[in-house]
């Protein structure tokens, strides 16, 4: 099983996989609507727009495991994301990223190391994983690394075709 073939469910309840959502590079981010880092949605949407034509898909994964910062229903999450930040990239159903109920996607993603060589649990909302086309995890960026930080942009450009 590769990360790209793990069964997922979209925010609106449809079965999917990362392979179905993205045929290129993918940036998977656990997101929350009521977090100090929530304004990162703006930069994530800009990445989706700026690099979408070159093969990048941003995928948001709502998670309520960090101080209950994503308490809403699927409809409330979708409305908040689209009306507040103009989010057009795909969102998955609310998902556990840590602990016993950790989704299989995150069981795989959390094996990847960050710039300091550390793997393991998600630290907070807005942790980012960059997957190359084909599903290999090539970078892990911790929550406080902004989506438009130079190291994120250069990593994205390195896995996009031409």
Protein backbone atom coordinates (compact mmCIF):
# COMPACT_ATOMS: atom_id res chain seq x y z
CA UNK A 1 0.00 0.00 0.00
CA UNK A 2 1.26 3.47 -0.88
CA UNK A 3 0.08 6.71 0.67
CA UNK A 4 -1.67 7.50 -2.62
CA UNK A 5 -3.93 4.42 -2.42
CA UNK A 6 -5.15 4.71 1.20
CA UNK A 7 -8.94 5.00 1.33
CA UNK A 8 -10.09 8.51 2.22
CA UNK A 9 -13.41 10.33 2.47
CA UNK A 10 -13.97 13.89 1.27
CA UNK A 11 -15.64 16.49 3.47
CA UNK A 12 -18.87 15.93 1.52
CA UNK A 13 -18.77 12.17 2.15
CA UNK A 14 -17.38 10.78 -1.11
CA UNK A 15 -14.84 7.93 -1.12
CA UNK A 16 -11.52 8.86 -2.70
CA UNK A 17 -7.73 8.46 -2.52
CA UNK A 18 -4.86 10.91 -2.88
CA UNK A 19 -4.20 9.35 -6.29
CA UNK A 20 -7.73 10.34 -7.36
CA UNK A 21 -7.38 13.87 -5.94
CA UNK A 22 -3.92 14.53 -7.38
CA UNK A 23 -2.00 13.22 -10.37
CA UNK A 24 1.03 15.33 -9.46
CA UNK A 25 2.63 16.62 -6.28
CA UNK A 26 0.43 16.87 -3.19
CA UNK A 27 0.66 19.03 -0.08
CA UNK A 28 -1.33 17.38 2.73
CA UNK A 29 -2.11 19.70 5.67
CA UNK A 30 -4.11 19.06 8.85
CA UNK A 31 -6.26 22.16 9.26
CA UNK A 32 -8.51 23.83 11.84
CA UNK A 33 -10.90 26.78 11.74
CA UNK A 34 -10.32 28.21 15.22
CA UNK A 35 -6.51 28.13 15.53
CA UNK A 36 -3.98 30.92 15.72
CA UNK A 37 -2.46 29.41 12.57
CA UNK A 38 -5.79 29.39 10.67
CA UNK A 39 -4.70 32.38 8.51
CA UNK A 40 -2.35 29.90 6.78
CA UNK A 41 -5.43 28.96 4.73
CA UNK A 42 -4.76 32.11 2.64
CA UNK A 43 -1.24 31.01 1.72
CA UNK A 44 -2.40 27.42 1.11
CA UNK A 45 -5.06 28.66 -1.31
CA UNK A 46 -2.46 30.86 -3.05
CA UNK A 47 -0.18 27.81 -3.46
CA UNK A 48 -3.10 25.82 -4.88
CA UNK A 49 -3.82 28.59 -7.40
CA UNK A 50 -0.20 29.47 -8.26
CA UNK A 51 1.03 25.88 -8.68
CA UNK A 52 -2.14 23.99 -9.61
CA UNK A 53 -1.48 24.30 -13.34
CA UNK A 54 2.00 22.86 -12.78
CA UNK A 55 0.70 19.80 -10.94
CA UNK A 56 0.36 20.69 -7.24
CA UNK A 57 -2.76 19.76 -5.30
CA UNK A 58 -3.26 21.02 -1.75
CA UNK A 59 -5.40 18.70 0.39
CA UNK A 60 -6.78 19.96 3.70
CA UNK A 61 -7.52 17.48 6.50
CA UNK A 62 -9.69 19.01 9.25
CA UNK A 63 -8.73 17.77 12.70
CA UNK A 64 -10.26 18.50 16.11
CA UNK A 65 -7.51 16.89 18.22
CA UNK A 66 -5.72 20.10 19.21
CA UNK A 67 -7.69 21.98 21.89
CA UNK A 68 -10.95 21.39 20.00
CA UNK A 69 -10.06 23.95 17.34
CA UNK A 70 -12.14 22.28 14.60
CA UNK A 71 -15.49 21.67 16.35
CA UNK A 72 -17.79 22.26 13.37
CA UNK A 73 -19.82 19.95 11.20
CA UNK A 74 -18.69 19.20 7.65
CA UNK A 75 -21.05 21.90 6.37
CA UNK A 76 -19.75 24.47 8.87
CA UNK A 77 -16.14 23.68 7.98
CA UNK A 78 -16.83 23.98 4.23
CA UNK A 79 -18.72 27.26 4.67
CA UNK A 80 -16.00 28.73 6.88
CA UNK A 81 -13.19 27.75 4.51
CA UNK A 82 -14.89 28.99 1.35
CA UNK A 83 -16.42 32.18 2.75
CA UNK A 84 -13.52 33.27 4.98
CA UNK A 85 -10.50 32.18 2.92
CA UNK A 86 -11.91 31.36 -0.53
CA UNK A 87 -10.65 27.80 -0.27
CA UNK A 88 -11.11 25.82 -3.48
CA UNK A 89 -8.71 22.93 -2.79
CA UNK A 90 -10.12 19.56 -1.65
CA UNK A 91 -10.94 18.99 2.00
CA UNK A 92 -11.26 15.57 3.61
CA UNK A 93 -13.60 14.56 6.40
CA UNK A 94 -12.61 15.45 9.96
CA UNK A 95 -9.80 13.05 10.84
CA UNK A 96 -7.70 11.97 13.83
CA UNK A 97 -4.01 12.45 13.06
CA UNK A 98 -2.60 11.16 16.37
CA UNK A 99 -3.42 8.48 18.91
CA UNK A 100 -5.23 5.16 18.76
CA UNK A 101 -7.78 6.42 16.24
CA UNK A 102 -5.10 7.84 13.92
CA UNK A 103 -6.19 7.57 10.30
CA UNK A 104 -4.09 5.14 8.19
CA UNK A 105 -2.98 8.11 6.04
CA UNK A 106 -1.41 9.74 9.08
CA UNK A 107 0.00 6.43 10.31
CA UNK A 108 2.10 6.54 7.14
CA UNK A 109 2.76 10.28 6.95
CA UNK A 110 4.05 10.50 10.53
CA UNK A 111 6.87 8.09 9.64
CA UNK A 112 8.40 10.93 7.59
CA UNK A 113 11.02 13.14 9.22
CA UNK A 114 11.16 16.91 9.38
CA UNK A 115 14.20 19.12 8.70
CA UNK A 116 15.62 18.15 12.13
CA UNK A 117 15.28 14.43 11.35
CA UNK A 118 12.34 13.96 13.72
CA UNK A 119 9.34 11.79 12.86
CA UNK A 120 6.34 10.90 15.00
CA UNK A 121 3.15 12.58 16.11
CA UNK A 122 1.70 15.68 14.52
CA UNK A 123 2.64 18.63 16.75
CA UNK A 124 -0.32 20.92 16.05
CA UNK A 125 -2.68 22.14 13.35
CA UNK A 126 -1.20 23.03 9.95
CA UNK A 127 1.60 20.46 9.80
CA UNK A 128 2.46 19.96 6.13
CA UNK A 129 3.60 16.92 4.14
CA UNK A 130 4.82 17.28 0.57
CA UNK A 131 4.38 14.22 -1.61
CA UNK A 132 6.10 13.78 -4.95
CA UNK A 133 4.03 12.53 -7.88
CA UNK A 134 3.53 8.84 -7.10
CA UNK A 135 3.05 9.43 -3.38
CA UNK A 136 6.54 9.41 -1.87
CA UNK A 137 6.72 11.76 1.14
CA UNK A 138 9.62 14.09 0.34
CA UNK A 139 9.26 16.84 2.95
CA UNK A 140 7.62 17.46 6.31
CA UNK A 141 7.10 20.99 7.54
CA UNK A 142 6.05 21.70 11.11
CA UNK A 143 3.01 23.90 11.87
CA UNK A 144 4.76 27.24 12.29
CA UNK A 145 6.44 26.95 8.89
CA UNK A 146 4.28 29.16 6.69
CA UNK A 147 3.02 27.58 3.45
CA UNK A 148 4.77 30.31 1.44
CA UNK A 149 8.10 30.06 3.29
CA UNK A 150 11.09 29.86 0.92
CA UNK A 151 11.91 26.28 1.98
CA UNK A 152 8.35 25.16 1.19
CA UNK A 153 8.29 26.92 -2.19
CA UNK A 154 11.66 25.46 -3.21
CA UNK A 155 10.59 21.96 -2.12
CA UNK A 156 7.37 22.26 -4.16
CA UNK A 157 9.24 23.52 -7.23
CA UNK A 158 11.73 20.64 -6.90
CA UNK A 159 8.99 17.99 -7.30
CA UNK A 160 6.97 19.69 -10.04
CA UNK A 161 7.69 18.92 -13.67
CA UNK A 162 9.64 21.54 -15.61
